[in-house]
């Protein structure tokens, strides 16, 4: 079987994209793991299927590079929107369904993608860290110098600690640059390593920094290893709503692989 694929990246967070509207892709954990392998496959932080949906423009099915279906991926969602536009599924604005529910998105004039994230109605603020679910569970921790953090080792310690149990959590290390700009590095579960960017992660960071008073801005700039993302939101009492993640989503290449 020959599989046609596309490779997309959003601030260095890269994904294998497959048009599965005809439902021909064999959803095998080992196959997906191999396709995401950077030595023996195509290479990517994850694999995303674009499928049909009866009530929205399309459905997003996301797998981590370990081959397992996972929770929401913000950068993956933005890349899938760019992919769907390339396939002429929509023109400028779209709605799609993902594992965490309905999403709205827009492809902007500069080709960046703005993706509406799920509302956040529960934030756990503890001494030394903040935890919330932005479609995926995220631990947010401020550090003095984010560039000198051993993200893989420290992230793994927190991800596998008793704090989060068997399910684990993604781990974000944050340093403040100015009143509305933060530097972020993220350890992602499922990838089990640092990624160059994490969309749900920077969303959690932006809200955590606002909730703890580190910033008073409702539009926050996040510098990640792969570029810059922007998160805007509104606050209604204890809830954060109208959350948008904005940044580039670029096709890298396409090709075919024999399975």
Protein backbone atom coordinates (compact mmCIF):
# COMPACT_ATOMS: atom_id res chain seq x y z
CA UNK A 1 0.00 0.00 0.00
CA UNK A 2 1.30 3.45 -0.92
CA UNK A 3 0.42 6.24 1.50
CA UNK A 4 0.39 9.88 0.40
CA UNK A 5 1.21 12.31 3.20
CA UNK A 6 1.93 15.96 3.91
CA UNK A 7 4.36 17.35 6.49
CA UNK A 8 3.40 20.54 8.36
CA UNK A 9 5.02 22.51 11.16
CA UNK A 10 3.83 25.25 13.48
CA UNK A 11 6.74 27.04 15.22
CA UNK A 12 8.78 23.84 14.96
CA UNK A 13 6.06 21.51 16.27
CA UNK A 14 5.86 19.13 13.30
CA UNK A 15 3.21 16.69 12.14
CA UNK A 16 2.51 14.05 9.52
CA UNK A 17 -0.82 14.99 7.90
CA UNK A 18 -3.05 12.48 6.14
CA UNK A 19 -6.30 13.06 4.27
CA UNK A 20 -8.41 10.20 5.62
CA UNK A 21 -11.82 11.31 4.37
CA UNK A 22 -12.14 7.98 2.52
CA UNK A 23 -11.18 6.10 5.72
CA UNK A 24 -8.42 4.08 4.07
CA UNK A 25 -5.68 4.71 6.65
CA UNK A 26 -4.89 1.65 8.83
CA UNK A 27 -4.99 2.96 12.40
CA UNK A 28 -2.21 0.82 13.81
CA UNK A 29 -0.22 2.05 16.82
CA UNK A 30 2.99 0.50 15.48
CA UNK A 31 2.45 1.99 12.02
CA UNK A 32 1.84 5.48 13.39
CA UNK A 33 4.90 5.18 15.65
CA UNK A 34 7.01 4.15 12.66
CA UNK A 35 5.72 7.00 10.46
CA UNK A 36 6.62 9.51 13.20
CA UNK A 37 10.10 8.03 13.67
CA UNK A 38 12.75 10.50 12.51
CA UNK A 39 15.15 7.77 11.36
CA UNK A 40 12.96 5.00 9.99
CA UNK A 41 9.85 6.96 8.95
CA UNK A 42 8.76 10.43 7.92
CA UNK A 43 9.40 12.05 11.27
CA UNK A 44 7.12 14.18 13.42
CA UNK A 45 5.95 15.06 16.92
CA UNK A 46 2.63 13.50 15.96
CA UNK A 47 0.37 12.26 13.19
CA UNK A 48 -2.99 13.86 12.35
CA UNK A 49 -5.86 12.47 10.31
CA UNK A 50 -8.33 14.77 8.59
CA UNK A 51 -11.67 12.96 8.51
CA UNK A 52 -15.25 13.82 7.62
CA UNK A 53 -17.79 15.01 10.16
CA UNK A 54 -21.54 15.33 9.66
CA UNK A 55 -21.93 18.58 11.61
CA UNK A 56 -18.69 20.51 10.98
CA UNK A 57 -16.22 20.99 8.13
CA UNK A 58 -13.98 18.14 9.27
CA UNK A 59 -12.78 16.02 12.18
CA UNK A 60 -9.32 16.04 13.75
CA UNK A 61 -7.86 12.74 14.98
CA UNK A 62 -4.50 13.25 16.70
CA UNK A 63 -1.83 10.69 17.61
CA UNK A 64 1.36 11.35 19.55
CA UNK A 65 4.66 10.07 18.15
CA UNK A 66 4.36 7.01 20.43
CA UNK A 67 1.49 5.88 18.20
CA UNK A 68 -1.29 6.43 20.74
CA UNK A 69 -4.31 8.65 20.20
CA UNK A 70 -3.99 11.65 22.48
CA UNK A 71 -5.64 14.76 23.86
CA UNK A 72 -5.92 18.07 21.99
CA UNK A 73 -2.87 19.54 20.26
CA UNK A 74 -3.07 23.29 19.62
CA UNK A 75 -0.30 23.60 17.05
CA UNK A 76 -1.54 20.41 15.40
CA UNK A 77 -5.01 21.90 15.19
CA UNK A 78 -3.64 25.03 13.55
CA UNK A 79 -1.62 22.96 11.07
CA UNK A 80 -4.67 20.83 10.28
CA UNK A 81 -6.64 24.01 9.53
CA UNK A 82 -3.93 25.07 7.07
CA UNK A 83 -3.99 21.57 5.55
CA UNK A 84 -7.80 21.62 5.21
CA UNK A 85 -7.60 24.98 3.45
CA UNK A 86 -5.03 23.54 1.03
CA UNK A 87 -7.49 20.70 0.32
CA UNK A 88 -10.16 23.39 -0.33
CA UNK A 89 -12.36 22.13 2.49
CA UNK A 90 -13.11 25.79 3.36
CA UNK A 91 -11.99 29.29 2.33
CA UNK A 92 -11.20 31.50 5.33
CA UNK A 93 -13.20 30.50 8.41
CA UNK A 94 -13.94 26.98 9.56
CA UNK A 95 -15.29 24.83 12.37
CA UNK A 96 -14.09 21.34 13.18
CA UNK A 97 -14.48 18.73 15.87
CA UNK A 98 -11.61 17.35 17.94
CA UNK A 99 -11.28 15.13 20.98
CA UNK A 100 -11.99 18.07 23.32
CA UNK A 101 -14.99 19.37 21.37
CA UNK A 102 -15.83 22.04 18.80
CA UNK A 103 -13.23 24.50 17.50
CA UNK A 104 -13.49 27.64 15.37
CA UNK A 105 -10.53 28.82 13.32
CA UNK A 106 -9.53 31.48 10.81
CA UNK A 107 -6.71 31.66 8.28
CA UNK A 108 -5.50 35.25 8.43
CA UNK A 109 -4.23 37.43 5.58
CA UNK A 110 -0.61 36.76 6.58
CA UNK A 111 -1.35 32.98 6.39
CA UNK A 112 -1.14 32.60 10.17
CA UNK A 113 -3.90 30.55 11.79
CA UNK A 114 -6.01 31.65 14.76
CA UNK A 115 -7.55 28.70 16.60
CA UNK A 116 -10.18 29.01 19.30
CA UNK A 117 -9.26 26.82 22.24
CA UNK A 118 -11.58 25.27 24.83
CA UNK A 119 -12.72 27.43 27.74
CA UNK A 120 -10.79 27.08 31.00
CA UNK A 121 -12.98 27.03 34.10
CA UNK A 122 -10.67 25.43 36.65
CA UNK A 123 -7.15 26.46 37.58
CA UNK A 124 -5.07 24.96 40.36
CA UNK A 125 -2.61 27.50 41.78
CA UNK A 126 -0.06 26.01 44.17
CA UNK A 127 3.21 27.20 45.67
CA UNK A 128 5.70 26.87 42.82
CA UNK A 129 3.39 25.83 39.98
CA UNK A 130 0.01 26.19 38.26
CA UNK A 131 -2.02 23.37 36.71
CA UNK A 132 -4.91 23.48 34.24
CA UNK A 133 -6.39 21.64 31.28
CA UNK A 134 -6.43 23.58 27.99
CA UNK A 135 -7.46 20.54 25.94
CA UNK A 136 -4.45 18.73 27.39
CA UNK A 137 -3.25 18.77 31.02
CA UNK A 138 -0.45 21.26 31.71
CA UNK A 139 1.90 21.94 34.60
CA UNK A 140 3.32 25.50 34.47
CA UNK A 141 6.41 26.38 36.47
CA UNK A 142 8.36 29.66 36.56
CA UNK A 143 12.15 29.36 36.46
CA UNK A 144 14.87 32.05 36.69
CA UNK A 145 16.55 31.12 33.39
CA UNK A 146 14.55 28.95 31.00
CA UNK A 147 17.51 28.40 28.66
CA UNK A 148 19.51 26.58 31.34
CA UNK A 149 16.74 24.15 32.32
CA UNK A 150 17.28 20.46 31.52
CA UNK A 151 13.78 20.18 30.09
CA UNK A 152 13.89 16.47 29.28
CA UNK A 153 15.08 15.33 32.71
CA UNK A 154 13.16 17.81 34.86
CA UNK A 155 10.06 17.48 32.71
CA UNK A 156 10.10 13.70 32.96
CA UNK A 157 10.47 13.85 36.75
CA UNK A 158 7.34 15.99 37.06
CA UNK A 159 5.40 14.17 34.32
CA UNK A 160 5.91 10.77 36.01
CA UNK A 161 5.68 12.01 39.62
CA UNK A 162 2.94 11.08 42.07
CA UNK A 163 1.56 14.57 41.50
CA UNK A 164 -0.08 13.46 38.22
CA UNK A 165 -0.18 9.69 38.52
CA UNK A 166 -0.35 7.28 35.61
CA UNK A 167 -1.97 9.78 33.20
CA UNK A 168 0.83 12.32 33.68
CA UNK A 169 0.90 15.90 32.44
CA UNK A 170 2.78 18.10 30.01
CA UNK A 171 5.32 20.33 31.73
CA UNK A 172 6.08 23.96 30.84
CA UNK A 173 9.03 25.97 32.15
CA UNK A 174 8.56 29.74 31.92
CA UNK A 175 10.62 32.91 32.29
CA UNK A 176 9.23 36.44 32.00
CA UNK A 177 10.81 38.77 29.42
CA UNK A 178 8.58 41.88 29.71
CA UNK A 179 5.06 42.65 31.02
CA UNK A 180 3.30 40.65 28.28
CA UNK A 181 6.05 38.40 26.86
CA UNK A 182 7.27 35.07 28.22
CA UNK A 183 9.83 32.49 27.12
CA UNK A 184 8.53 28.91 27.27
CA UNK A 185 10.04 25.44 26.92
CA UNK A 186 7.81 22.37 27.06
CA UNK A 187 8.16 18.67 27.82
CA UNK A 188 5.35 16.77 26.08
CA UNK A 189 3.99 13.46 27.26
CA UNK A 190 3.60 10.97 24.40
CA UNK A 191 6.64 12.50 22.75
CA UNK A 192 8.48 12.05 26.09
CA UNK A 193 10.91 14.81 25.25
CA UNK A 194 11.10 18.55 24.69
CA UNK A 195 9.33 19.84 21.60
CA UNK A 196 10.14 23.12 19.89
CA UNK A 197 6.64 24.38 20.63
CA UNK A 198 3.37 23.35 22.26
CA UNK A 199 0.11 25.16 21.50
CA UNK A 200 -1.95 23.96 24.45
CA UNK A 201 1.15 24.58 26.59
CA UNK A 202 1.58 28.25 25.70
CA UNK A 203 -2.18 28.69 26.13
CA UNK A 204 -1.84 27.35 29.68
CA UNK A 205 1.19 29.58 30.31
CA UNK A 206 -0.59 32.75 29.15
CA UNK A 207 -3.61 32.09 31.37
CA UNK A 208 -1.44 31.01 34.32
CA UNK A 209 0.64 34.20 34.12
CA UNK A 210 -2.52 36.31 34.10
CA UNK A 211 -4.19 34.33 36.89
CA UNK A 212 -1.13 34.71 39.15
CA UNK A 213 -0.67 38.42 38.42
CA UNK A 214 2.58 38.12 36.47
CA UNK A 215 0.90 39.98 33.62
CA UNK A 216 -2.20 42.16 33.37
CA UNK A 217 -2.42 41.77 29.60
CA UNK A 218 -5.09 39.64 27.98
CA UNK A 219 -3.01 39.27 24.84
CA UNK A 220 0.25 37.50 25.64
CA UNK A 221 3.27 36.80 23.46
CA UNK A 222 5.05 33.48 23.94
CA UNK A 223 8.58 32.91 22.67
CA UNK A 224 9.14 29.19 22.12
CA UNK A 225 12.18 27.40 20.73
CA UNK A 226 10.58 27.33 17.26
CA UNK A 227 9.32 30.92 17.04
CA UNK A 228 6.58 33.09 18.56
CA UNK A 229 2.93 32.38 19.34
CA UNK A 230 0.21 34.70 20.59
CA UNK A 231 -2.62 33.90 23.00
CA UNK A 232 -5.59 36.18 23.66
CA UNK A 233 -8.51 35.57 26.01
CA UNK A 234 -11.35 37.08 27.99
CA UNK A 235 -12.16 36.56 31.66
CA UNK A 236 -15.65 36.07 33.05
CA UNK A 237 -15.50 35.70 36.84
CA UNK A 238 -13.40 32.57 37.39
CA UNK A 239 -13.66 31.43 33.78
CA UNK A 240 -11.42 32.16 30.81
CA UNK A 241 -13.29 32.26 27.50
CA UNK A 242 -12.84 33.28 23.87
CA UNK A 243 -9.29 31.92 23.99
CA UNK A 244 -7.39 32.14 20.70
CA UNK A 245 -4.01 30.67 19.82
CA UNK A 246 -2.41 32.39 16.82
CA UNK A 247 0.76 31.63 14.90
CA UNK A 248 2.27 30.27 11.67
CA UNK A 249 1.31 26.90 10.17
CA UNK A 250 3.46 25.90 7.22
CA UNK A 251 3.64 22.98 4.82
CA UNK A 252 7.19 21.61 4.70
CA UNK A 253 6.87 18.90 2.04
CA UNK A 254 4.63 16.12 0.74
CA UNK A 255 5.37 12.66 -0.56
CA UNK A 256 4.48 9.00 -0.64
CA UNK A 257 5.70 6.10 1.47
CA UNK A 258 5.27 2.39 0.83
CA UNK A 259 3.72 0.61 3.78
